[in-house]
Amino acid sequence: MHEYLIEGGYPIQGTIRASGNKNAALPCIAAALLTDEPVILKNIPDIEDVQVMLRVYAFLGGQVERISPHEYRMSLGNITSSAIPEEYARKIRASILFAGPLLARTGKALLPPPGGDVIGRRRLDTHFLALTELGASVSSNRTFTFSAAALQGADIFLDEASVTATENALMAAVLARGETLLTNAASEPHVQDLCHMLIAMGARIEGTGSNILRIQGVKKLSGCTFTIGADFMEVGSFIGLAAITHGELTIQGPLVRDLRPSKIAFGKLGITWEHEGTTVHVPKKQALTVNCDLGGMIPKIDDAPWPGFPPDLTSIITVVATQVNGTVLVHEKLFESRMFFVDKLIAMGARIVLCDPHRAVVSGPTTLSGAELHSPDVRAGMAMLIAAMCAQGKSIIRNVYQIERGYEQLVSRLSSLGGSIQSRACGAGLDS
């Protein structure tokens, strides 16, 4: 076990390459189960969640070869098991993504309840709805058991635009008989990546990028080589970090289309950037002043399904708002426990009123002081890291496993950008 020791006050500056999108890599790994031919995935982030998904793939009978630090060759002739071990399932929520491919290939799937971030209730009902509509039966007795003699295309209306439920339905439908119409589907860039990968494998999917997907089932999928897109959640985190440490940062790899919702939200805090091709430049001089709504009203930053502001960046933008002149309301609509980390920011000196589990009023700028912190989940953990890097004095962040589930090699990458951050064995105090 290790922890981060951070000394704040150092501007982040230099050039960095964006990692591959974690939320695209995980379903694409699961999708490799859909073919008995080799699949090569490129731009895969070197993070813990990816390693767990690859272990599951190997447990099910697959072979995994690491071609380079961010490229894997995966091959699976015959699936040797339809059951996901509990030790893997409880580590990541993405373990549920094996349900669709296993059903499509073997007609059954046994999954213990998935783990992941503790950010409030995270329903699985939409997964069950979609897979049941496709002809599967679902039962639960500590383990979820899915079975189907044959999957049949259907007209499915999802009760919420769930990303992982959309992905599970897609992966089951591409090998189902007949046509599937998937309405109220999620359309995030990582869902689009999965669609593009499945199409490269021979799937017939129309409507990629919209909330209505039409899938014509095929009998067999082939292998493919596919490159994962850049992680716009990581890019948004680095933009916020550079702005409030008064640094200057160039990020290589992100697509302008993926950052449009974030640019509007950050713009409300007086933060902007230049974008040319697949390069983002965050200039040193930022206004860092809240841009009020018409009539001088306090603006609101709220998340929403794509193309709204990404929920995974609400924790990040809450920290950023503590360093901006003015008042803003941050409204996290989806998860009732995600905002509870703000008590740690308040202890560091932030002026935040948590109105209820979903809404926080943030007034800044305030000087934050170093503190001993504990990462509750991947995004709140990254938000705490950003707070520590702009705070006065030293901070310790423990349970950094949660951060490293979603962010690649942070210590070396941030150190190369001028940050004062080191990894060390747990147990030492701030003065060590």
Protein backbone atom coordinates (compact mmCIF):
# COMPACT_ATOMS: atom_id res chain seq x y z
CA MET A 1 0.00 0.00 0.00
CA HIS A 2 1.21 3.49 -0.76
CA GLU A 3 0.09 7.10 -0.45
CA TYR A 4 0.83 10.44 -2.08
CA LEU A 5 2.80 13.20 -0.40
CA ILE A 6 2.08 16.51 -2.13
CA GLU A 7 3.45 19.98 -1.58
CA GLY A 8 1.20 22.62 -3.07
CA GLY A 9 1.95 25.87 -4.79
CA TYR A 10 3.86 24.65 -7.85
CA PRO A 11 2.44 25.65 -11.27
CA ILE A 12 1.73 22.79 -13.66
CA GLN A 13 3.43 23.55 -16.96
CA GLY A 14 4.71 21.68 -19.98
CA THR A 15 3.33 19.14 -22.46
CA ILE A 16 1.54 15.88 -21.75
CA ARG A 17 -0.26 13.26 -23.85
CA ALA A 18 -3.78 12.29 -22.89
CA SER A 19 -4.31 8.69 -21.88
CA GLY A 20 -6.78 6.41 -23.61
CA ASN A 21 -10.37 6.62 -22.42
CA LYS A 22 -10.85 4.25 -19.47
CA ASN A 23 -14.60 4.15 -20.03
CA ALA A 24 -14.05 3.05 -23.64
CA ALA A 25 -11.28 0.56 -22.91
CA LEU A 26 -13.36 -1.46 -20.44
CA PRO A 27 -16.33 -2.28 -22.73
CA CYS A 28 -13.99 -2.83 -25.67
CA ILE A 29 -12.11 -5.47 -23.65
CA ALA A 30 -15.44 -7.15 -22.89
CA ALA A 31 -16.40 -6.94 -26.57
CA ALA A 32 -13.34 -9.00 -27.50
CA LEU A 33 -15.31 -11.98 -26.11
CA LEU A 34 -17.69 -11.70 -29.07
CA THR A 35 -15.26 -13.25 -31.57
CA ASP A 36 -13.01 -16.28 -31.73
CA GLU A 37 -10.53 -14.30 -33.83
CA PRO A 38 -7.70 -12.07 -32.48
CA VAL A 39 -8.47 -8.51 -31.43
CA ILE A 40 -5.79 -5.83 -31.09
CA LEU A 41 -6.65 -2.84 -28.90
CA LYS A 42 -4.46 0.26 -28.99
CA ASN A 43 -4.17 3.31 -26.73
CA ILE A 44 -5.28 1.31 -23.69
CA PRO A 45 -4.54 3.20 -20.44
CA ASP A 46 -2.17 1.58 -17.96
CA ILE A 47 -4.57 1.60 -14.99
CA GLU A 48 -5.86 -0.89 -12.44
CA ASP A 49 -9.40 -1.20 -13.86
CA VAL A 50 -7.99 -2.27 -17.22
CA GLN A 51 -5.80 -4.91 -15.59
CA VAL A 52 -8.77 -6.37 -13.72
CA MET A 53 -10.83 -6.58 -16.94
CA LEU A 54 -7.95 -8.32 -18.70
CA ARG A 55 -7.69 -10.82 -15.83
CA VAL A 56 -11.38 -11.61 -16.22
CA TYR A 57 -10.92 -12.11 -19.98
CA ALA A 58 -8.02 -14.50 -19.29
CA PHE A 59 -10.04 -16.36 -16.63
CA LEU A 60 -12.79 -16.96 -19.20
CA GLY A 61 -10.28 -18.69 -21.46
CA GLY A 62 -8.67 -15.86 -23.38
CA GLN A 63 -5.02 -15.19 -24.04
CA VAL A 64 -3.64 -11.69 -23.50
CA GLU A 65 -0.36 -10.47 -24.98
CA ARG A 66 0.96 -7.03 -24.13
CA ILE A 67 2.51 -5.79 -27.36
CA SER A 68 3.55 -2.40 -25.94
CA PRO A 69 2.68 -0.39 -22.81
CA HIS A 70 -0.65 0.66 -24.36
CA GLU A 71 -1.39 -2.09 -26.88
CA TYR A 72 -2.78 -5.59 -26.31
CA ARG A 73 -3.46 -8.59 -28.50
CA MET A 74 -6.39 -10.66 -27.27
CA SER A 75 -7.49 -14.04 -28.58
CA LEU A 76 -10.17 -16.44 -27.42
CA GLY A 77 -11.07 -19.59 -29.32
CA ASN A 78 -13.51 -21.14 -26.90
CA ILE A 79 -14.96 -19.61 -23.75
CA THR A 80 -14.14 -22.00 -20.91
CA SER A 81 -16.30 -20.42 -18.21
CA SER A 82 -19.40 -18.26 -18.02
CA ALA A 83 -18.87 -17.26 -14.40
CA ILE A 84 -17.01 -14.13 -13.23
CA PRO A 85 -15.01 -14.69 -10.01
CA GLU A 86 -16.23 -12.61 -7.08
CA GLU A 87 -12.70 -11.36 -6.36
CA TYR A 88 -12.69 -9.57 -9.71
CA ALA A 89 -16.34 -8.51 -9.80
CA ARG A 90 -16.21 -6.65 -6.50
CA LYS A 91 -13.22 -4.55 -7.64
CA ILE A 92 -14.88 -2.80 -10.57
CA ARG A 93 -18.36 -1.93 -11.73
CA ALA A 94 -17.38 -2.70 -15.33
CA SER A 95 -17.46 -6.44 -14.54
CA ILE A 96 -21.19 -6.24 -15.39
CA LEU A 97 -20.15 -5.61 -19.02
CA PHE A 98 -19.32 -9.28 -19.50
CA ALA A 99 -23.04 -10.19 -19.19
CA GLY A 100 -23.96 -9.23 -22.76
CA PRO A 101 -21.01 -10.89 -24.53
CA LEU A 102 -21.26 -14.08 -22.44
CA LEU A 103 -24.97 -14.37 -23.17
CA ALA A 104 -24.36 -13.82 -26.88
CA ARG A 105 -21.57 -16.41 -27.08
CA THR A 106 -22.59 -19.07 -24.53
CA GLY A 107 -26.23 -18.41 -23.65
CA LYS A 108 -25.47 -17.87 -19.98
CA ALA A 109 -23.60 -15.62 -17.59
CA LEU A 110 -23.05 -15.73 -13.84
CA LEU A 111 -21.95 -12.45 -12.24
CA PRO A 112 -21.57 -11.50 -8.59
CA PRO A 113 -22.77 -7.95 -7.82
CA PRO A 114 -20.27 -5.50 -9.33
CA GLY A 115 -18.13 -3.21 -7.19
CA GLY A 116 -16.74 0.19 -8.13
CA ASP A 117 -17.08 3.68 -6.72
CA VAL A 118 -19.33 4.21 -3.71
CA ILE A 119 -21.09 7.35 -4.97
CA GLY A 120 -24.68 6.40 -4.21
CA ARG A 121 -27.15 3.90 -5.53
CA ARG A 122 -26.14 2.59 -8.93
CA ARG A 123 -29.05 0.70 -10.47
CA LEU A 124 -28.63 -2.47 -12.49
CA ASP A 125 -32.33 -2.61 -13.41
CA THR A 126 -31.72 -1.13 -16.87
CA HIS A 127 -29.30 -3.95 -17.71
CA PHE A 128 -31.92 -6.51 -16.70
CA LEU A 129 -34.61 -4.70 -18.69
CA ALA A 130 -32.56 -4.69 -21.89
CA LEU A 131 -31.29 -8.25 -21.68
CA THR A 132 -34.72 -9.57 -20.74
CA GLU A 133 -36.23 -7.83 -23.78
CA LEU A 134 -33.66 -9.67 -25.91
CA GLY A 135 -34.91 -13.01 -24.57
CA ALA A 136 -32.75 -13.63 -21.52
CA SER A 137 -34.05 -14.73 -18.14
CA VAL A 138 -32.47 -13.20 -15.04
CA SER A 139 -32.45 -14.48 -11.48
CA SER A 140 -30.61 -13.33 -8.38
CA ASN A 141 -29.46 -15.21 -5.29
CA ARG A 142 -26.29 -13.39 -4.23
CA THR A 143 -25.12 -13.95 -7.85
CA PHE A 144 -26.90 -12.71 -10.96
CA THR A 145 -27.67 -15.57 -13.34
CA PHE A 146 -28.48 -14.75 -16.96
CA SER A 147 -29.59 -17.44 -19.42
CA ALA A 148 -31.04 -17.55 -22.92
CA ALA A 149 -31.57 -20.36 -25.41
CA ALA A 150 -31.26 -17.78 -28.17
CA LEU A 151 -31.24 -13.99 -28.18
CA GLN A 152 -33.86 -12.32 -30.36
CA GLY A 153 -33.82 -8.72 -31.54
CA ALA A 154 -36.40 -6.44 -29.95
CA ASP A 155 -37.72 -2.88 -29.74
CA ILE A 156 -36.21 -1.70 -26.45
CA PHE A 157 -36.81 1.58 -24.65
CA LEU A 158 -34.29 2.00 -21.83
CA ASP A 159 -35.77 3.49 -18.65
CA GLU A 160 -32.62 5.63 -18.28
CA ALA A 161 -29.76 6.53 -20.61
CA SER A 162 -27.35 4.24 -18.78
CA VAL A 163 -23.91 4.00 -20.38
CA THR A 164 -23.10 0.45 -19.27
CA ALA A 165 -26.64 -0.83 -19.89
CA THR A 166 -26.48 0.58 -23.43
CA GLU A 167 -23.14 -1.15 -23.93
CA ASN A 168 -24.40 -4.46 -22.59
CA ALA A 169 -27.49 -4.30 -24.81
CA LEU A 170 -25.32 -3.47 -27.84
CA MET A 171 -22.97 -6.38 -27.25
CA ALA A 172 -25.84 -8.82 -26.85
CA ALA A 173 -27.85 -7.46 -29.80
CA VAL A 174 -25.07 -7.64 -32.40
CA LEU A 175 -25.26 -11.47 -32.32
CA ALA A 176 -29.01 -11.72 -31.70
CA ARG A 177 -31.39 -12.86 -34.44
CA GLY A 178 -33.15 -10.06 -36.27
CA GLU A 179 -33.28 -6.34 -35.63
CA THR A 180 -32.94 -4.49 -32.36
CA LEU A 181 -34.07 -0.90 -31.92
CA LEU A 182 -32.45 0.63 -28.83
CA THR A 183 -34.10 3.91 -27.80
CA ASN A 184 -33.01 6.31 -25.03
CA ALA A 185 -29.54 4.89 -25.48
CA ALA A 186 -26.49 6.58 -24.02
CA SER A 187 -24.34 8.35 -26.61
CA GLU A 188 -21.13 9.31 -24.75
CA PRO A 189 -17.85 9.21 -26.71
CA HIS A 190 -16.95 5.89 -25.03
CA VAL A 191 -20.24 4.37 -26.20
CA GLN A 192 -19.41 5.63 -29.68
CA ASP A 193 -15.99 3.98 -29.44
CA LEU A 194 -17.64 0.65 -28.64
CA CYS A 195 -19.99 1.06 -31.61
CA HIS A 196 -17.05 1.79 -33.93
CA MET A 197 -15.16 -1.26 -32.65
CA LEU A 198 -18.17 -3.54 -33.11
CA ILE A 199 -18.69 -2.19 -36.65
CA ALA A 200 -15.01 -2.91 -37.38
CA MET A 201 -15.71 -6.50 -36.24
CA GLY A 202 -18.58 -6.80 -38.71
CA ALA A 203 -21.54 -5.66 -36.63
CA ARG A 204 -24.34 -3.73 -38.35
CA ILE A 205 -25.14 -0.67 -36.26
CA GLU A 206 -26.84 2.55 -37.34
CA GLY A 207 -27.23 5.75 -35.33
CA THR A 208 -23.83 5.89 -33.61
CA GLY A 209 -23.64 9.10 -31.57
CA SER A 210 -27.42 9.40 -31.21
CA ASN A 211 -29.84 8.07 -28.61
CA ILE A 212 -31.50 5.72 -31.08
CA LEU A 213 -29.44 2.74 -32.22
CA ARG A 214 -30.59 0.24 -34.83
CA ILE A 215 -28.75 -3.09 -34.77
CA GLN A 216 -29.10 -5.87 -37.34
CA GLY A 217 -27.90 -9.10 -35.77
CA VAL A 218 -25.21 -11.10 -37.54
CA LYS A 219 -24.18 -14.74 -37.08
CA LYS A 220 -20.51 -14.12 -36.42
CA LEU A 221 -18.06 -11.32 -35.72
CA SER A 222 -14.45 -11.18 -36.86
CA GLY A 223 -11.34 -9.86 -35.16
CA CYS A 224 -10.17 -6.29 -35.61
CA THR A 225 -7.57 -3.69 -34.71
CA PHE A 226 -9.06 -0.71 -32.90
CA THR A 227 -7.65 2.44 -31.28
CA ILE A 228 -9.35 3.82 -28.17
CA GLY A 229 -10.03 7.57 -28.11
CA ALA A 230 -8.50 10.03 -25.64
CA ASP A 231 -9.87 10.24 -22.10
CA PHE A 232 -11.73 13.55 -21.99
CA MET A 233 -12.30 13.08 -18.22
CA GLU A 234 -8.55 13.07 -17.67
CA VAL A 235 -8.16 16.03 -20.02
CA GLY A 236 -10.77 18.01 -18.07
CA SER A 237 -8.97 17.16 -14.83
CA PHE A 238 -5.63 18.40 -16.18
CA ILE A 239 -7.20 21.59 -17.56
CA GLY A 240 -8.63 22.41 -14.14
CA LEU A 241 -5.34 21.58 -12.43
CA ALA A 242 -3.31 23.80 -14.77
CA ALA A 243 -5.72 26.72 -14.42
CA ILE A 244 -5.86 26.87 -10.62
CA THR A 245 -2.13 26.31 -10.13
CA HIS A 246 -1.60 29.26 -12.54
CA GLY A 247 0.31 27.03 -14.93
CA GLU A 248 0.46 26.62 -18.70
CA LEU A 249 -0.24 23.22 -20.22
CA THR A 250 -0.37 21.61 -23.66
CA ILE A 251 -2.31 18.34 -23.91
CA GLN A 252 -1.90 16.16 -26.97
CA GLY A 253 -4.56 13.75 -28.20
CA PRO A 254 -8.06 15.01 -27.27
CA LEU A 255 -10.78 15.65 -29.84
CA VAL A 256 -12.51 19.05 -29.84
CA ARG A 257 -15.98 17.44 -30.04
CA ASP A 258 -15.41 15.61 -26.74
CA LEU A 259 -14.57 18.83 -24.86
CA ARG A 260 -17.45 21.04 -25.98
CA PRO A 261 -19.65 20.48 -22.88
CA SER A 262 -16.64 20.97 -20.60
CA LYS A 263 -15.62 24.18 -22.35
CA ILE A 264 -19.03 25.73 -21.61
CA ALA A 265 -18.86 24.71 -17.93
CA PHE A 266 -15.26 25.83 -17.39
CA GLY A 267 -16.05 29.03 -19.26
CA LYS A 268 -18.52 29.91 -16.50
CA LEU A 269 -15.50 29.96 -14.18
CA GLY A 270 -13.42 32.17 -16.46
CA ILE A 271 -11.29 29.28 -17.74
CA THR A 272 -10.69 28.70 -21.42
CA TRP A 273 -8.24 26.99 -23.75
CA GLU A 274 -7.16 26.89 -27.37
CA HIS A 275 -7.77 23.82 -29.47
CA GLU A 276 -6.09 23.00 -32.76
CA GLY A 277 -6.55 19.56 -34.29
CA THR A 278 -5.94 17.11 -31.46
CA THR A 279 -3.95 19.50 -29.27
CA VAL A 280 -5.29 21.58 -26.39
CA HIS A 281 -3.34 24.52 -25.00
CA VAL A 282 -4.27 25.95 -21.61
CA PRO A 283 -2.72 29.46 -21.41
CA LYS A 284 -1.15 30.72 -18.22
CA LYS A 285 -3.26 33.82 -17.71
CA GLN A 286 -6.84 32.82 -16.92
CA ALA A 287 -9.59 35.17 -15.75
CA LEU A 288 -10.61 32.81 -12.91
CA THR A 289 -13.75 34.88 -12.38
CA VAL A 290 -17.31 33.57 -12.37
CA ASN A 291 -19.28 34.74 -15.39
CA CYS A 292 -22.74 35.51 -14.01
CA ASP A 293 -25.92 34.71 -15.89
CA LEU A 294 -27.98 37.54 -17.38
CA GLY A 295 -29.09 40.00 -14.73
CA GLY A 296 -26.16 39.17 -12.48
CA MET A 297 -27.66 35.84 -11.42
CA ILE A 298 -25.48 33.11 -9.89
CA PRO A 299 -24.69 30.59 -12.63
CA LYS A 300 -25.27 26.88 -12.31
CA ILE A 301 -23.02 24.05 -13.51
CA ASP A 302 -25.03 20.85 -13.71
CA ASP A 303 -24.26 17.48 -15.18
CA ALA A 304 -26.41 15.51 -17.60
CA PRO A 305 -26.24 12.54 -19.96
CA TRP A 306 -24.20 13.25 -23.08
CA PRO A 307 -23.93 15.78 -24.61
CA GLY A 308 -24.33 17.43 -21.22
CA PHE A 309 -21.50 18.21 -18.82
CA PRO A 310 -19.99 14.86 -17.74
CA PRO A 311 -20.96 13.72 -14.21
CA ASP A 312 -17.42 12.43 -13.67
CA LEU A 313 -16.13 16.02 -13.81
CA THR A 314 -18.45 17.51 -11.17
CA SER A 315 -15.99 16.69 -8.38
CA ILE A 316 -13.18 18.30 -10.38
CA ILE A 317 -15.06 21.48 -11.21
CA THR A 318 -16.16 21.85 -7.56
CA VAL A 319 -12.50 22.09 -6.50
CA VAL A 320 -11.71 24.46 -9.36
CA ALA A 321 -14.57 26.74 -8.27
CA THR A 322 -12.94 27.22 -4.85
CA GLN A 323 -10.13 29.14 -6.57
CA VAL A 324 -12.33 31.35 -8.74
CA ASN A 325 -13.62 34.83 -7.85
CA GLY A 326 -17.37 34.63 -7.37
CA THR A 327 -20.14 32.20 -6.47
CA VAL A 328 -21.45 29.24 -8.45
CA LEU A 329 -23.95 26.45 -7.85
CA VAL A 330 -22.73 22.94 -8.71
CA HIS A 331 -25.61 20.50 -9.21
CA GLU A 332 -24.76 16.78 -9.40
CA LYS A 333 -28.03 15.21 -10.53
CA LEU A 334 -27.21 11.53 -10.83
CA PHE A 335 -25.51 10.20 -7.68
CA GLU A 336 -26.59 11.12 -4.17
CA SER A 337 -23.24 10.48 -2.48
CA ARG A 338 -20.78 11.97 -4.95
CA MET A 339 -20.70 15.42 -3.33
CA PHE A 340 -20.05 14.22 0.20
CA PHE A 341 -16.29 14.64 -0.28
CA VAL A 342 -16.67 18.43 -0.01
CA ASP A 343 -16.35 18.24 3.79
CA LYS A 344 -12.64 17.57 3.20
CA LEU A 345 -12.40 20.69 1.04
CA ILE A 346 -14.17 22.71 3.72
CA ALA A 347 -11.63 21.45 6.27
CA MET A 348 -8.89 22.71 3.94
CA GLY A 349 -10.47 26.19 3.95
CA ALA A 350 -12.94 26.11 1.08
CA ARG A 351 -16.17 28.10 1.36
CA ILE A 352 -18.79 25.57 0.31
CA VAL A 353 -22.39 25.16 1.43
CA LEU A 354 -23.67 21.63 0.77
CA CYS A 355 -27.37 22.35 0.28
CA ASP A 356 -28.37 18.70 -0.06
CA PRO A 357 -26.75 15.51 -1.41
CA HIS A 358 -26.86 16.90 -4.96
CA ARG A 359 -26.15 20.64 -4.73
CA ALA A 360 -23.24 22.71 -3.46
CA VAL A 361 -22.78 26.48 -3.48
CA VAL A 362 -19.10 27.36 -3.88
CA SER A 363 -17.69 30.83 -3.21
CA GLY A 364 -14.10 31.78 -3.94
CA PRO A 365 -11.32 32.34 -4.12
CA THR A 366 -10.11 30.84 -0.84
CA THR A 367 -6.66 29.79 0.26
CA LEU A 368 -6.57 26.06 0.87
CA SER A 369 -4.26 24.51 3.47
CA GLY A 370 -2.55 21.13 3.23
CA ALA A 371 -4.30 18.25 4.98
CA GLU A 372 -4.39 14.50 5.45
CA LEU A 373 -6.97 13.13 3.03
CA HIS A 374 -8.54 9.78 2.12
CA SER A 375 -9.69 9.11 -1.44
CA PRO A 376 -13.29 7.76 -1.43
CA ASP A 377 -13.56 7.15 -5.18
CA VAL A 378 -11.63 7.79 -8.37
CA ARG A 379 -13.04 11.23 -9.25
CA ALA A 380 -13.24 12.63 -5.71
CA GLY A 381 -9.70 11.33 -5.19
CA MET A 382 -8.47 13.26 -8.22
CA ALA A 383 -10.34 16.34 -7.00
CA MET A 384 -8.54 16.06 -3.66
CA LEU A 385 -5.21 15.74 -5.48
CA ILE A 386 -5.96 18.95 -7.42
CA ALA A 387 -6.89 20.70 -4.17
CA ALA A 388 -3.64 19.54 -2.57
CA MET A 389 -1.57 20.78 -5.51
CA CYS A 390 -2.92 24.32 -5.22
CA ALA A 391 -2.97 24.38 -1.40
CA GLN A 392 -0.40 25.95 0.90
CA GLY A 393 1.82 23.39 2.59
CA LYS A 394 1.91 19.61 2.43
CA SER A 395 -0.90 17.10 2.03
CA ILE A 396 -1.13 13.33 2.28
CA ILE A 397 -3.65 11.40 0.21
CA ARG A 398 -4.33 7.82 1.28
CA ASN A 399 -6.25 5.05 -0.49
CA VAL A 400 -4.74 6.23 -3.76
CA TYR A 401 -5.64 2.87 -5.27
CA GLN A 402 -8.99 4.51 -5.99
CA ILE A 403 -7.33 7.32 -7.98
CA GLU A 404 -5.05 4.95 -9.88
CA ARG A 405 -8.06 2.94 -11.04
CA GLY A 406 -8.74 5.76 -13.48
CA TYR A 407 -5.61 7.90 -13.87
CA GLU A 408 -2.39 6.59 -15.38
CA GLN A 409 1.05 7.04 -13.76
CA LEU A 410 0.07 10.28 -12.06
CA VAL A 411 3.19 10.66 -9.93
CA SER A 412 5.67 10.52 -12.82
CA ARG A 413 3.47 12.51 -15.20
CA LEU A 414 2.69 15.32 -12.77
CA SER A 415 6.29 15.44 -11.56
CA SER A 416 7.42 15.93 -15.15
CA LEU A 417 5.10 18.96 -15.29
CA GLY A 418 6.65 20.60 -12.24
CA GLY A 419 4.34 19.27 -9.54
CA SER A 420 5.72 18.30 -6.13
CA ILE A 421 4.24 14.82 -5.68
CA GLN A 422 5.77 11.56 -4.57
CA SER A 423 4.55 8.08 -3.80
CA ARG A 424 5.66 6.45 -0.56
CA ALA A 425 4.73 3.60 1.74
CA CYS A 426 1.74 4.29 3.96
CA GLY A 427 2.14 5.24 7.57
CA ALA A 428 4.42 8.28 7.66
CA GLY A 429 3.05 11.67 8.75
CA LEU A 430 3.13 15.07 7.11
CA ASP A 431 6.46 15.96 8.67
CA SER A 432 8.25 12.83 7.46
